Amino acid sequence: MQTYPKKRIEIIAEAPLLRRLTARLDEAGVGGWSVVPILAGHGHGGDWSAEGQIGTATQMVMLISIVDAARLDAVLDAVFGLVSGQIGFVTVADVAVVRPERF
């Protein structure tokens, strides 16, 4: 089966930022994205867990999107201003897809 190269963007951010992030992705012409809750982690501030949290103010999410490499810089520019001063991070990885028209 033939595959096609694309870029996978993962954004780990605080849940209250999600609506603004997805709006920026939509404005940048990203055709789709998925959101996954983050249950726990470890970083510069030590261990973190969502266990026992009552509200969403301190919850974390992972937003995943796949884009064409030609659009990567525009998408990163659109979201970086929101996440640069927040807890979290952005990663980009090479992936292969089987239906390139969807990205």
PDB file of N, CA and C in Angstrom:
ATOM      1  N   MET A   1       0.847  -1.169   0.000  1.00  0.00           N
ATOM      2  CA  MET A   1       0.000   0.000   0.000  1.00  0.00           C
ATOM      3  C   MET A   1       0.899   1.241   0.000  1.00  0.00           C
ATOM      4  N   GLN A   2       0.527   2.226  -0.784  1.00  0.00           N
ATOM      5  CA  GLN A   2       1.301   3.457  -0.858  1.00  0.00           C
ATOM      6  C   GLN A   2       0.976   4.375   0.320  1.00  0.00           C
ATOM      7  N   THR A   3       2.016   5.006   0.850  1.00  0.00           N
ATOM      8  CA  THR A   3       1.839   5.976   1.927  1.00  0.00           C
ATOM      9  C   THR A   3       2.400   7.322   1.485  1.00  0.00           C
ATOM     10  N   TYR A   4       1.995   8.363   2.205  1.00  0.00           N
ATOM     11  CA  TYR A   4       2.364   9.730   1.859  1.00  0.00           C
ATOM     12  C   TYR A   4       2.884  10.444   3.101  1.00  0.00           C
ATOM     13  N   PRO A   5       3.988  11.181   2.969  1.00  0.00           N
ATOM     14  CA  PRO A   5       4.568  11.846   4.142  1.00  0.00           C
ATOM     15  C   PRO A   5       3.751  13.063   4.580  1.00  0.00           C
ATOM     16  N   LYS A   6       3.585  13.190   5.876  1.00  0.00           N
ATOM     17  CA  LYS A   6       2.897  14.337   6.481  1.00  0.00           C
ATOM     18  C   LYS A   6       3.601  14.673   7.786  1.00  0.00           C
ATOM     19  N   LYS A   7       3.130  15.694   8.480  1.00  0.00           N
ATOM     20  CA  LYS A   7       3.678  16.106   9.765  1.00  0.00           C
ATOM     21  C   LYS A   7       2.596  15.971  10.833  1.00  0.00           C
ATOM     22  N   ARG A   8       2.956  15.373  11.946  1.00  0.00           N
ATOM     23  CA  ARG A   8       2.047  15.236  13.088  1.00  0.00           C
ATOM     24  C   ARG A   8       2.450  16.276  14.126  1.00  0.00           C
ATOM     25  N   ILE A   9       1.494  17.093  14.521  1.00  0.00           N
ATOM     26  CA  ILE A   9       1.722  18.116  15.531  1.00  0.00           C
ATOM     27  C   ILE A   9       0.998  17.676  16.800  1.00  0.00           C
ATOM     28  N   GLU A  10       1.721  17.671  17.904  1.00  0.00           N
ATOM     29  CA  GLU A  10       1.112  17.380  19.205  1.00  0.00           C
ATOM     30  C   GLU A  10       1.327  18.586  20.098  1.00  0.00           C
ATOM     31  N   ILE A  11       0.251  19.072  20.671  1.00  0.00           N
ATOM     32  CA  ILE A  11       0.315  20.225  21.565  1.00  0.00           C
ATOM     33  C   ILE A  11      -0.212  19.778  22.926  1.00  0.00           C
ATOM     34  N   ILE A  12       0.651  19.822  23.930  1.00  0.00           N
ATOM     35  CA  ILE A  12       0.241  19.544  25.297  1.00  0.00           C
ATOM     36  C   ILE A  12       0.017  20.903  25.950  1.00  0.00           C
ATOM     37  N   ALA A  13      -1.203  21.143  26.435  1.00  0.00           N
ATOM     38  CA  ALA A  13      -1.536  22.456  26.987  1.00  0.00           C
ATOM     39  C   ALA A  13      -2.591  22.327  28.076  1.00  0.00           C
ATOM     40  N   GLU A  14      -2.761  23.393  28.810  1.00  0.00           N
ATOM     41  CA  GLU A  14      -3.797  23.443  29.831  1.00  0.00           C
ATOM     42  C   GLU A  14      -5.170  23.464  29.155  1.00  0.00           C
ATOM     43  N   ALA A  15      -6.111  22.733  29.691  1.00  0.00           N
ATOM     44  CA  ALA A  15      -7.437  22.583  29.092  1.00  0.00           C
ATOM     45  C   ALA A  15      -8.146  23.911  28.809  1.00  0.00           C
ATOM     46  N   PRO A  16      -8.044  24.917  29.679  1.00  0.00           N
ATOM     47  CA  PRO A  16      -8.733  26.175  29.380  1.00  0.00           C
ATOM     48  C   PRO A  16      -8.243  26.868  28.098  1.00  0.00           C
ATOM     49  N   LEU A  17      -7.084  26.481  27.605  1.00  0.00           N
ATOM     50  CA  LEU A  17      -6.531  27.056  26.379  1.00  0.00           C
ATOM     51  C   LEU A  17      -7.077  26.374  25.124  1.00  0.00           C
ATOM     52  N   LEU A  18      -7.745  25.256  25.289  1.00  0.00           N
ATOM     53  CA  LEU A  18      -8.150  24.417  24.162  1.00  0.00           C
ATOM     54  C   LEU A  18      -9.007  25.151  23.137  1.00  0.00           C
ATOM     55  N   ARG A  19     -10.011  25.861  23.559  1.00  0.00           N
ATOM     56  CA  ARG A  19     -10.903  26.541  22.609  1.00  0.00           C
ATOM     57  C   ARG A  19     -10.140  27.542  21.744  1.00  0.00           C
ATOM     58  N   ARG A  20      -9.219  28.278  22.355  1.00  0.00           N
ATOM     59  CA  ARG A  20      -8.427  29.245  21.579  1.00  0.00           C
ATOM     60  C   ARG A  20      -7.457  28.540  20.641  1.00  0.00           C
ATOM     61  N   LEU A  21      -6.886  27.417  21.077  1.00  0.00           N
ATOM     62  CA  LEU A  21      -6.000  26.659  20.199  1.00  0.00           C
ATOM     63  C   LEU A  21      -6.736  26.115  18.978  1.00  0.00           C
ATOM     64  N   THR A  22      -7.892  25.517  19.199  1.00  0.00           N
ATOM     65  CA  THR A  22      -8.637  24.952  18.067  1.00  0.00           C
ATOM     66  C   THR A  22      -9.122  26.053  17.124  1.00  0.00           C
ATOM     67  N   ALA A  23      -9.447  27.215  17.661  1.00  0.00           N
ATOM     68  CA  ALA A  23      -9.829  28.340  16.796  1.00  0.00           C
ATOM     69  C   ALA A  23      -8.661  28.753  15.913  1.00  0.00           C
ATOM     70  N   ARG A  24      -7.460  28.783  16.479  1.00  0.00           N
ATOM     71  CA  ARG A  24      -6.266  29.134  15.688  1.00  0.00           C
ATOM     72  C   ARG A  24      -5.996  28.085  14.616  1.00  0.00           C
ATOM     73  N   LEU A  25      -6.182  26.804  14.954  1.00  0.00           N
ATOM     74  CA  LEU A  25      -5.998  25.756  13.951  1.00  0.00           C
ATOM     75  C   LEU A  25      -7.009  25.912  12.825  1.00  0.00           C
ATOM     76  N   ASP A  26      -8.251  26.188  13.182  1.00  0.00           N
ATOM     77  CA  ASP A  26      -9.283  26.390  12.165  1.00  0.00           C
ATOM     78  C   ASP A  26      -8.930  27.575  11.265  1.00  0.00           C
ATOM     79  N   GLU A  27      -8.476  28.685  11.866  1.00  0.00           N
ATOM     80  CA  GLU A  27      -8.082  29.869  11.103  1.00  0.00           C
ATOM     81  C   GLU A  27      -6.909  29.582  10.173  1.00  0.00           C
ATOM     82  N   ALA A  28      -6.029  28.667  10.584  1.00  0.00           N
ATOM     83  CA  ALA A  28      -4.867  28.300   9.775  1.00  0.00           C
ATOM     84  C   ALA A  28      -5.211  27.283   8.700  1.00  0.00           C
ATOM     85  N   GLY A  29      -6.489  26.875   8.644  1.00  0.00           N
ATOM     86  CA  GLY A  29      -6.928  25.950   7.612  1.00  0.00           C
ATOM     87  C   GLY A  29      -6.669  24.485   7.895  1.00  0.00           C
ATOM     88  N   VAL A  30      -6.433  24.146   9.152  1.00  0.00           N
ATOM     89  CA  VAL A  30      -6.222  22.742   9.510  1.00  0.00           C
ATOM     90  C   VAL A  30      -7.550  22.007   9.383  1.00  0.00           C
ATOM     91  N   GLY A  31      -7.538  20.902   8.653  1.00  0.00           N
ATOM     92  CA  GLY A  31      -8.764  20.184   8.360  1.00  0.00           C
ATOM     93  C   GLY A  31      -9.307  19.340   9.484  1.00  0.00           C
ATOM     94  N   GLY A  32      -8.485  19.004  10.467  1.00  0.00           N
ATOM     95  CA  GLY A  32      -8.973  18.169  11.556  1.00  0.00           C
ATOM     96  C   GLY A  32      -7.981  18.101  12.696  1.00  0.00           C
ATOM     97  N   TRP A  33      -8.484  17.734  13.838  1.00  0.00           N
ATOM     98  CA  TRP A  33      -7.668  17.580  15.037  1.00  0.00           C
ATOM     99  C   TRP A  33      -8.424  16.700  16.013  1.00  0.00           C
ATOM    100  N   SER A  34      -7.685  16.136  16.967  1.00  0.00           N
ATOM    101  CA  SER A  34      -8.268  15.314  18.022  1.00  0.00           C
ATOM    102  C   SER A  34      -7.698  15.774  19.356  1.00  0.00           C
ATOM    103  N   VAL A  35      -8.475  15.570  20.418  1.00  0.00           N
ATOM    104  CA  VAL A  35      -8.057  15.970  21.750  1.00  0.00           C
ATOM    105  C   VAL A  35      -8.102  14.749  22.663  1.00  0.00           C
ATOM    106  N   VAL A  36      -7.033  14.577  23.437  1.00  0.00           N
ATOM    107  CA  VAL A  36      -6.910  13.463  24.363  1.00  0.00           C
ATOM    108  C   VAL A  36      -6.614  14.040  25.748  1.00  0.00           C
ATOM    109  N   PRO A  37      -7.313  13.587  26.790  1.00  0.00           N
ATOM    110  CA  PRO A  37      -6.989  14.085  28.129  1.00  0.00           C
ATOM    111  C   PRO A  37      -5.640  13.542  28.594  1.00  0.00           C
ATOM    112  N   ILE A  38      -4.918  14.358  29.338  1.00  0.00           N
ATOM    113  CA  ILE A  38      -3.653  13.940  29.938  1.00  0.00           C
ATOM    114  C   ILE A  38      -3.938  13.627  31.406  1.00  0.00           C
ATOM    115  N   LEU A  39      -3.610  12.430  31.835  1.00  0.00           N
ATOM    116  CA  LEU A  39      -3.933  11.992  33.189  1.00  0.00           C
ATOM    117  C   LEU A  39      -2.832  12.281  34.202  1.00  0.00           C
ATOM    118  N   ALA A  40      -1.593  12.275  33.747  1.00  0.00           N
ATOM    119  CA  ALA A  40      -0.483  12.509  34.654  1.00  0.00           C
ATOM    120  C   ALA A  40       0.766  12.790  33.837  1.00  0.00           C
ATOM    121  N   GLY A  41       1.778  13.302  34.510  1.00  0.00           N
ATOM    122  CA  GLY A  41       3.039  13.568  33.839  1.00  0.00           C
ATOM    123  C   GLY A  41       4.131  13.947  34.810  1.00  0.00           C
ATOM    124  N   HIS A  42       5.290  14.223  34.255  1.00  0.00           N
ATOM    125  CA  HIS A  42       6.441  14.639  35.052  1.00  0.00           C
ATOM    126  C   HIS A  42       7.250  15.596  34.194  1.00  0.00           C
ATOM    127  N   GLY A  43       7.669  16.694  34.778  1.00  0.00           N
ATOM    128  CA  GLY A  43       8.450  17.680  34.042  1.00  0.00           C
ATOM    129  C   GLY A  43       9.272  18.536  34.974  1.00  0.00           C
ATOM    130  N   HIS A  44       9.561  19.771  34.532  1.00  0.00           N
ATOM    131  CA  HIS A  44      10.392  20.688  35.318  1.00  0.00           C
ATOM    132  C   HIS A  44       9.845  20.916  36.721  1.00  0.00           C
ATOM    133  N   GLY A  45       8.536  20.922  36.843  1.00  0.00           N
ATOM    134  CA  GLY A  45       7.916  21.165  38.148  1.00  0.00           C
ATOM    135  C   GLY A  45       7.704  19.917  38.972  1.00  0.00           C
ATOM    136  N   GLY A  46       8.176  18.774  38.485  1.00  0.00           N
ATOM    137  CA  GLY A  46       8.005  17.515  39.207  1.00  0.00           C
ATOM    138  C   GLY A  46       6.813  16.729  38.702  1.00  0.00           C
ATOM    139  N   ASP A  47       6.300  15.856  39.526  1.00  0.00           N
ATOM    140  CA  ASP A  47       5.159  15.015  39.155  1.00  0.00           C
ATOM    141  C   ASP A  47       3.880  15.840  39.135  1.00  0.00           C
ATOM    142  N   TRP A  48       2.956  15.429  38.259  1.00  0.00           N
ATOM    143  CA  TRP A  48       1.657  16.069  38.150  1.00  0.00           C
ATOM    144  C   TRP A  48       0.626  14.984  37.895  1.00  0.00           C
ATOM    145  N   SER A  49      -0.571  15.141  38.471  1.00  0.00           N
ATOM    146  CA  SER A  49      -1.639  14.171  38.256  1.00  0.00           C
ATOM    147  C   SER A  49      -2.983  14.886  38.247  1.00  0.00           C
ATOM    148  N   ALA A  50      -3.869  14.430  37.384  1.00  0.00           N
ATOM    149  CA  ALA A  50      -5.225  14.971  37.333  1.00  0.00           C
ATOM    150  C   ALA A  50      -6.118  14.341  38.394  1.00  0.00           C
ATOM    151  N   GLU A  51      -5.627  13.326  39.058  1.00  0.00           N
ATOM    152  CA  GLU A  51      -6.424  12.630  40.060  1.00  0.00           C
ATOM    153  C   GLU A  51      -6.852  13.582  41.177  1.00  0.00           C
ATOM    154  N   GLY A  52      -8.134  13.594  41.450  1.00  0.00           N
ATOM    155  CA  GLY A  52      -8.669  14.414  42.514  1.00  0.00           C
ATOM    156  C   GLY A  52      -8.966  15.856  42.143  1.00  0.00           C
ATOM    157  N   GLN A  53      -8.659  16.268  40.917  1.00  0.00           N
ATOM    158  CA  GLN A  53      -8.957  17.636  40.502  1.00  0.00           C
ATOM    159  C   GLN A  53     -10.453  17.783  40.281  1.00  0.00           C
ATOM    160  N   ILE A  54     -11.000  18.882  40.739  1.00  0.00           N
ATOM    161  CA  ILE A  54     -12.440  19.097  40.639  1.00  0.00           C
ATOM    162  C   ILE A  54     -12.806  19.850  39.367  1.00  0.00           C
ATOM    163  N   GLY A  55     -12.126  20.909  39.045  1.00  0.00           N
ATOM    164  CA  GLY A  55     -12.427  21.715  37.869  1.00  0.00           C
ATOM    165  C   GLY A  55     -11.478  21.413  36.728  1.00  0.00           C
ATOM    166  N   THR A  56     -11.622  22.176  35.639  1.00  0.00           N
ATOM    167  CA  THR A  56     -10.769  21.976  34.473  1.00  0.00           C
ATOM    168  C   THR A  56      -9.613  22.960  34.416  1.00  0.00           C
ATOM    169  N   ALA A  57      -9.534  23.888  35.376  1.00  0.00           N
ATOM    170  CA  ALA A  57      -8.533  24.954  35.314  1.00  0.00           C
ATOM    171  C   ALA A  57      -7.109  24.434  35.275  1.00  0.00           C
ATOM    172  N   THR A  58      -6.830  23.323  35.918  1.00  0.00           N
ATOM    173  CA  THR A  58      -5.471  22.798  35.929  1.00  0.00           C
ATOM    174  C   THR A  58      -5.336  21.487  35.158  1.00  0.00           C
ATOM    175  N   GLN A  59      -6.369  21.075  34.457  1.00  0.00           N
ATOM    176  CA  GLN A  59      -6.286  19.860  33.650  1.00  0.00           C
ATOM    177  C   GLN A  59      -5.466  20.124  32.398  1.00  0.00           C
ATOM    178  N   MET A  60      -4.849  19.069  31.885  1.00  0.00           N
ATOM    179  CA  MET A  60      -4.036  19.158  30.678  1.00  0.00           C
ATOM    180  C   MET A  60      -4.656  18.296  29.585  1.00  0.00           C
ATOM    181  N   VAL A  61      -4.453  18.713  28.326  1.00  0.00           N
ATOM    182  CA  VAL A  61      -4.939  17.964  27.173  1.00  0.00           C
ATOM    183  C   VAL A  61      -3.828  17.872  26.132  1.00  0.00           C
ATOM    184  N   MET A  62      -3.949  16.870  25.261  1.00  0.00           N
ATOM    185  CA  MET A  62      -3.062  16.762  24.108  1.00  0.00           C
ATOM    186  C   MET A  62      -3.911  16.939  22.859  1.00  0.00           C
ATOM    187  N   LEU A  63      -3.585  17.927  22.070  1.00  0.00           N
ATOM    188  CA  LEU A  63      -4.258  18.187  20.810  1.00  0.00           C
ATOM    189  C   LEU A  63      -3.370  17.627  19.707  1.00  0.00           C
ATOM    190  N   ILE A  64      -3.918  16.774  18.862  1.00  0.00           N
ATOM    191  CA  ILE A  64      -3.159  16.107  17.801  1.00  0.00           C
ATOM    192  C   ILE A  64      -3.735  16.514  16.451  1.00  0.00           C
ATOM    193  N   SER A  65      -2.846  16.856  15.526  1.00  0.00           N
ATOM    194  CA  SER A  65      -3.273  17.174  14.174  1.00  0.00           C
ATOM    195  C   SER A  65      -2.209  16.712  13.189  1.00  0.00           C
ATOM    196  N   ILE A  66      -2.630  16.369  11.996  1.00  0.00           N
ATOM    197  CA  ILE A  66      -1.704  15.974  10.937  1.00  0.00           C
ATOM    198  C   ILE A  66      -1.894  16.950   9.785  1.00  0.00           C
ATOM    199  N   VAL A  67      -0.775  17.498   9.310  1.00  0.00           N
ATOM    200  CA  VAL A  67      -0.822  18.494   8.240  1.00  0.00           C
ATOM    201  C   VAL A  67       0.223  18.183   7.177  1.00  0.00           C
ATOM    202  N   ASP A  68       0.054  18.804   6.029  1.00  0.00           N
ATOM    203  CA  ASP A  68       1.045  18.712   4.977  1.00  0.00           C
ATOM    204  C   ASP A  68       2.271  19.526   5.377  1.00  0.00           C
ATOM    205  N   ALA A  69       3.449  19.064   5.030  1.00  0.00           N
ATOM    206  CA  ALA A  69       4.688  19.742   5.414  1.00  0.00           C
ATOM    207  C   ALA A  69       4.733  21.186   4.928  1.00  0.00           C
ATOM    208  N   ALA A  70       4.120  21.464   3.793  1.00  0.00           N
ATOM    209  CA  ALA A  70       4.128  22.823   3.255  1.00  0.00           C
ATOM    210  C   ALA A  70       3.365  23.805   4.135  1.00  0.00           C
ATOM    211  N   ARG A  71       2.474  23.312   4.970  1.00  0.00           N
ATOM    212  CA  ARG A  71       1.663  24.174   5.830  1.00  0.00           C
ATOM    213  C   ARG A  71       2.148  24.198   7.276  1.00  0.00           C
ATOM    214  N   LEU A  72       3.157  23.416   7.585  1.00  0.00           N
ATOM    215  CA  LEU A  72       3.611  23.265   8.964  1.00  0.00           C
ATOM    216  C   LEU A  72       3.977  24.597   9.614  1.00  0.00           C
ATOM    217  N   ASP A  73       4.817  25.395   8.983  1.00  0.00           N
ATOM    218  CA  ASP A  73       5.262  26.649   9.600  1.00  0.00           C
ATOM    219  C   ASP A  73       4.099  27.589   9.884  1.00  0.00           C
ATOM    220  N   ALA A  74       3.148  27.679   8.975  1.00  0.00           N
ATOM    221  CA  ALA A  74       1.988  28.554   9.187  1.00  0.00           C
ATOM    222  C   ALA A  74       1.161  28.085  10.380  1.00  0.00           C
ATOM    223  N   VAL A  75       1.001  26.779  10.517  1.00  0.00           N
ATOM    224  CA  VAL A  75       0.230  26.240  11.635  1.00  0.00           C
ATOM    225  C   VAL A  75       0.964  26.488  12.958  1.00  0.00           C
ATOM    226  N   LEU A  76       2.259  26.239  12.973  1.00  0.00           N
ATOM    227  CA  LEU A  76       3.026  26.476  14.197  1.00  0.00           C
ATOM    228  C   LEU A  76       3.015  27.952  14.575  1.00  0.00           C
ATOM    229  N   ASP A  77       3.149  28.830  13.597  1.00  0.00           N
ATOM    230  CA  ASP A  77       3.076  30.272  13.874  1.00  0.00           C
ATOM    231  C   ASP A  77       1.728  30.642  14.477  1.00  0.00           C
ATOM    232  N   ALA A  78       0.667  30.002  14.000  1.00  0.00           N
ATOM    233  CA  ALA A  78      -0.686  30.325  14.474  1.00  0.00           C
ATOM    234  C   ALA A  78      -0.895  29.949  15.936  1.00  0.00           C
ATOM    235  N   VAL A  79      -0.263  28.872  16.393  1.00  0.00           N
ATOM    236  CA  VAL A  79      -0.513  28.408  17.764  1.00  0.00           C
ATOM    237  C   VAL A  79       0.591  28.764  18.747  1.00  0.00           C
ATOM    238  N   PHE A  80       1.789  29.059  18.275  1.00  0.00           N
ATOM    239  CA  PHE A  80       2.906  29.228  19.199  1.00  0.00           C
ATOM    240  C   PHE A  80       2.703  30.396  20.158  1.00  0.00           C
ATOM    241  N   GLY A  81       2.120  31.471  19.709  1.00  0.00           N
ATOM    242  CA  GLY A  81       1.891  32.607  20.589  1.00  0.00           C
ATOM    243  C   GLY A  81       1.021  32.266  21.782  1.00  0.00           C
ATOM    244  N   LEU A  82       0.109  31.333  21.602  1.00  0.00           N
ATOM    245  CA  LEU A  82      -0.756  30.914  22.706  1.00  0.00           C
ATOM    246  C   LEU A  82      -0.043  30.008  23.702  1.00  0.00           C
ATOM    247  N   VAL A  83       0.790  29.123  23.215  1.00  0.00           N
ATOM    248  CA  VAL A  83       1.391  28.133  24.105  1.00  0.00           C
ATOM    249  C   VAL A  83       2.756  28.538  24.644  1.00  0.00           C
ATOM    250  N   SER A  84       3.390  29.527  24.062  1.00  0.00           N
ATOM    251  CA  SER A  84       4.764  29.855  24.455  1.00  0.00           C
ATOM    252  C   SER A  84       4.892  30.294  25.906  1.00  0.00           C
ATOM    253  N   GLY A  85       3.889  30.950  26.443  1.00  0.00           N
ATOM    254  CA  GLY A  85       3.965  31.400  27.825  1.00  0.00           C
ATOM    255  C   GLY A  85       3.209  30.527  28.803  1.00  0.00           C
ATOM    256  N   GLN A  86       2.783  29.366  28.367  1.00  0.00           N
ATOM    257  CA  GLN A  86       1.952  28.484  29.189  1.00  0.00           C
ATOM    258  C   GLN A  86       2.705  27.212  29.571  1.00  0.00           C
ATOM    259  N   ILE A  87       2.117  26.450  30.467  1.00  0.00           N
ATOM    260  CA  ILE A  87       2.625  25.119  30.779  1.00  0.00           C
ATOM    261  C   ILE A  87       2.336  24.232  29.570  1.00  0.00           C
ATOM    262  N   GLY A  88       3.273  23.385  29.211  1.00  0.00           N
ATOM    263  CA  GLY A  88       3.061  22.465  28.100  1.00  0.00           C
ATOM    264  C   GLY A  88       4.157  22.561  27.067  1.00  0.00           C
ATOM    265  N   PHE A  89       3.933  21.905  25.927  1.00  0.00           N
ATOM    266  CA  PHE A  89       4.935  21.906  24.868  1.00  0.00           C
ATOM    267  C   PHE A  89       4.311  21.509  23.539  1.00  0.00           C
ATOM    268  N   VAL A  90       5.080  21.714  22.468  1.00  0.00           N
ATOM    269  CA  VAL A  90       4.656  21.382  21.106  1.00  0.00           C
ATOM    270  C   VAL A  90       5.718  20.465  20.506  1.00  0.00           C
ATOM    271  N   THR A  91       5.278  19.387  19.872  1.00  0.00           N
ATOM    272  CA  THR A  91       6.208  18.516  19.153  1.00  0.00           C
ATOM    273  C   THR A  91       5.725  18.343  17.722  1.00  0.00           C
ATOM    274  N   VAL A  92       6.676  18.043  16.845  1.00  0.00           N
ATOM    275  CA  VAL A  92       6.379  17.774  15.437  1.00  0.00           C
ATOM    276  C   VAL A  92       7.119  16.497  15.064  1.00  0.00           C
ATOM    277  N   ALA A  93       6.430  15.597  14.373  1.00  0.00           N
ATOM    278  CA  ALA A  93       7.043  14.334  13.964  1.00  0.00           C
ATOM    279  C   ALA A  93       6.652  14.012  12.526  1.00  0.00           C
ATOM    280  N   ASP A  94       7.516  13.284  11.855  1.00  0.00           N
ATOM    281  CA  ASP A  94       7.206  12.790  10.517  1.00  0.00           C
ATOM    282  C   ASP A  94       6.315  11.562  10.644  1.00  0.00           C
ATOM    283  N   VAL A  95       5.247  11.524   9.848  1.00  0.00           N
ATOM    284  CA  VAL A  95       4.358  10.370   9.808  1.00  0.00           C
ATOM    285  C   VAL A  95       4.035  10.043   8.358  1.00  0.00           C
ATOM    286  N   ALA A  96       3.489   8.865   8.135  1.00  0.00           N
ATOM    287  CA  ALA A  96       3.026   8.462   6.817  1.00  0.00           C
ATOM    288  C   ALA A  96       1.536   8.153   6.910  1.00  0.00           C
ATOM    289  N   VAL A  97       0.777   8.631   5.939  1.00  0.00           N
ATOM    290  CA  VAL A  97      -0.669   8.395   5.922  1.00  0.00           C
ATOM    291  C   VAL A  97      -1.033   7.649   4.636  1.00  0.00           C
ATOM    292  N   VAL A  98      -2.186   7.003   4.642  1.00  0.00           N
ATOM    293  CA  VAL A  98      -2.632   6.272   3.447  1.00  0.00           C
ATOM    294  C   VAL A  98      -3.703   7.032   2.670  1.00  0.00           C
ATOM    295  N   ARG A  99      -4.272   8.069   3.260  1.00  0.00           N
ATOM    296  CA  ARG A  99      -5.284   8.884   2.561  1.00  0.00           C
ATOM    297  C   ARG A  99      -4.852  10.357   2.603  1.00  0.00           C
ATOM    298  N   PRO A 100      -3.972  10.778   1.720  1.00  0.00           N
ATOM    299  CA  PRO A 100      -3.388  12.111   1.797  1.00  0.00           C
ATOM    300  C   PRO A 100      -4.393  13.238   1.607  1.00  0.00           C
ATOM    301  N   GLU A 101      -5.491  12.982   0.945  1.00  0.00           N
ATOM    302  CA  GLU A 101      -6.486  14.038   0.684  1.00  0.00           C
ATOM    303  C   GLU A 101      -7.168  14.522   1.964  1.00  0.00           C
ATOM    304  N   ARG A 102      -7.031  13.786   3.039  1.00  0.00           N
ATOM    305  CA  ARG A 102      -7.672  14.173   4.299  1.00  0.00           C
ATOM    306  C   ARG A 102      -6.835  15.169   5.108  1.00  0.00           C
ATOM    307  N   PHE A 103      -5.612  15.428   4.671  1.00  0.00           N
ATOM    308  CA  PHE A 103      -4.720  16.283   5.451  1.00  0.00           C
ATOM    309  C   PHE A 103      -4.255  17.441   4.609  1.00  0.00           C
TER     310      PHE A 103
END
